[in-house]
Structures are given as structure tokens and as C-alpha cells.
């Protein structure tokens, strides 16, 4: 998957909830971004490690349309 803003492919999913050991390990390995314990329908789904852009799957955000 590529970032809809910068087109780089250093994108990871954002995970929500209390992180257990597996989620913590994925975070330390750079496989996910921790989004916090509170979930909301407006929370972003993905994070670009290159430009720090966050977006929701299939929604327009700041003029960029993100596909999964």
C-alpha cells in the first residue's frame, strides 16, 4: 500500500486498544502505529512513517483519496 499524500510505501496500520505483548512487539518492530485505547469511527486506519500522514480507508482527507 502507498501513502495517498506522498506515494511512499512505508505505511503501517494504526491499532487501537490496550496493547498486549504481541501488539507491543509489532510496534517495536515498526509493523504498526499505536493509536491509543479509545476507538472512534473517525479514527484513522493507516499511518505513513515517511510523511506522518494518517487516513481512513476509503475516505477523502485533505484532498487525498485512500484505497486499501
C-alpha atoms as a PDB file:
ATOM      1  CA  UNK A   1       0.000   0.000   0.000  1.00  0.00           C
ATOM      2  CA  UNK A   2       1.188   3.516  -0.785  1.00  0.00           C
ATOM      3  CA  UNK A   3       0.523   6.744   1.055  1.00  0.00           C
ATOM      4  CA  UNK A   4      -2.117   8.802  -0.798  1.00  0.00           C
ATOM      5  CA  UNK A   5      -0.221  12.002   0.045  1.00  0.00           C
ATOM      6  CA  UNK A   6       3.468  11.262  -0.661  1.00  0.00           C
ATOM      7  CA  UNK A   7       3.154   7.962  -2.608  1.00  0.00           C
ATOM      8  CA  UNK A   8       5.777   6.235  -0.442  1.00  0.00           C
ATOM      9  CA  UNK A   9       5.152   2.657   0.627  1.00  0.00           C
ATOM     10  CA  UNK A  10       6.293   2.941   4.255  1.00  0.00           C
ATOM     11  CA  UNK A  11       2.691   2.611   5.503  1.00  0.00           C
ATOM     12  CA  UNK A  12       1.555   0.746   8.609  1.00  0.00           C
ATOM     13  CA  UNK A  13      -1.888   0.091  10.101  1.00  0.00           C
ATOM     14  CA  UNK A  14      -2.922   2.013  13.201  1.00  0.00           C
ATOM     15  CA  UNK A  15      -4.064  -0.301  16.002  1.00  0.00           C
ATOM     16  CA  UNK A  16      -6.306   0.751  18.860  1.00  0.00           C
ATOM     17  CA  UNK A  17      -6.923  -0.710  22.294  1.00  0.00           C
ATOM     18  CA  UNK A  18      -4.755  -1.693  25.228  1.00  0.00           C
ATOM     19  CA  UNK A  19      -1.596  -3.168  23.704  1.00  0.00           C
ATOM     20  CA  UNK A  20      -0.725  -6.685  24.757  1.00  0.00           C
ATOM     21  CA  UNK A  21       2.685  -8.309  24.276  1.00  0.00           C
ATOM     22  CA  UNK A  22       2.115  -9.131  20.589  1.00  0.00           C
ATOM     23  CA  UNK A  23       0.910  -5.622  19.737  1.00  0.00           C
ATOM     24  CA  UNK A  24       3.841  -4.111  21.640  1.00  0.00           C
ATOM     25  CA  UNK A  25       6.276  -6.309  19.714  1.00  0.00           C
ATOM     26  CA  UNK A  26       4.702  -5.280  16.378  1.00  0.00           C
ATOM     27  CA  UNK A  27       5.047  -1.637  17.440  1.00  0.00           C
ATOM     28  CA  UNK A  28       8.719  -2.011  18.382  1.00  0.00           C
ATOM     29  CA  UNK A  29       9.371  -3.755  15.049  1.00  0.00           C
ATOM     30  CA  UNK A  30       7.716  -0.870  13.160  1.00  0.00           C
ATOM     31  CA  UNK A  31       4.857  -3.021  11.843  1.00  0.00           C
ATOM     32  CA  UNK A  32       2.073  -0.904  13.407  1.00  0.00           C
ATOM     33  CA  UNK A  33       1.397   2.516  14.943  1.00  0.00           C
ATOM     34  CA  UNK A  34      -0.354   2.597  18.301  1.00  0.00           C
ATOM     35  CA  UNK A  35      -3.467   4.770  18.106  1.00  0.00           C
ATOM     36  CA  UNK A  36      -4.469   4.816  21.761  1.00  0.00           C
ATOM     37  CA  UNK A  37      -7.010   2.975  23.844  1.00  0.00           C
ATOM     38  CA  UNK A  38     -10.120   4.842  22.684  1.00  0.00           C
ATOM     39  CA  UNK A  39     -11.726   3.799  19.408  1.00  0.00           C
ATOM     40  CA  UNK A  40     -13.950   6.089  17.343  1.00  0.00           C
ATOM     41  CA  UNK A  41     -15.466   5.789  13.866  1.00  0.00           C
ATOM     42  CA  UNK A  42     -13.446   8.838  12.793  1.00  0.00           C
ATOM     43  CA  UNK A  43     -10.068   7.428  13.834  1.00  0.00           C
ATOM     44  CA  UNK A  44      -7.547   6.940  11.025  1.00  0.00           C
ATOM     45  CA  UNK A  45      -6.707   3.401   9.883  1.00  0.00           C
ATOM     46  CA  UNK A  46      -3.261   3.931   8.385  1.00  0.00           C
ATOM     47  CA  UNK A  47      -0.105   5.927   9.066  1.00  0.00           C
ATOM     48  CA  UNK A  48       2.739   6.880   6.740  1.00  0.00           C
ATOM     49  CA  UNK A  49       6.083   6.614   8.504  1.00  0.00           C
ATOM     50  CA  UNK A  50       7.653   8.826   5.848  1.00  0.00           C
ATOM     51  CA  UNK A  51       5.425  11.937   5.860  1.00  0.00           C
ATOM     52  CA  UNK A  52       3.371  11.191   9.058  1.00  0.00           C
ATOM     53  CA  UNK A  53       0.081  11.382   7.150  1.00  0.00           C
ATOM     54  CA  UNK A  54      -2.855   9.480   8.726  1.00  0.00           C
ATOM     55  CA  UNK A  55      -6.023   8.470   6.894  1.00  0.00           C
ATOM     56  CA  UNK A  56      -9.115   6.329   6.950  1.00  0.00           C
ATOM     57  CA  UNK A  57      -9.624   3.519   4.493  1.00  0.00           C
ATOM     58  CA  UNK A  58     -11.674   4.664   1.501  1.00  0.00           C
ATOM     59  CA  UNK A  59     -12.275   8.253   2.704  1.00  0.00           C
ATOM     60  CA  UNK A  60     -11.252  11.595   1.315  1.00  0.00           C
ATOM     61  CA  UNK A  61      -8.944  13.509   3.628  1.00  0.00           C
ATOM     62  CA  UNK A  62      -7.348  16.838   2.716  1.00  0.00           C
ATOM     63  CA  UNK A  63      -7.993  16.184  -0.960  1.00  0.00           C
ATOM     64  CA  UNK A  64      -6.389  12.728  -0.981  1.00  0.00           C
ATOM     65  CA  UNK A  65      -8.475   9.620  -1.605  1.00  0.00           C
ATOM     66  CA  UNK A  66      -7.156   6.489   0.009  1.00  0.00           C
ATOM     67  CA  UNK A  67      -7.707   2.998  -1.307  1.00  0.00           C
ATOM     68  CA  UNK A  68      -6.858  -0.091   0.662  1.00  0.00           C
END
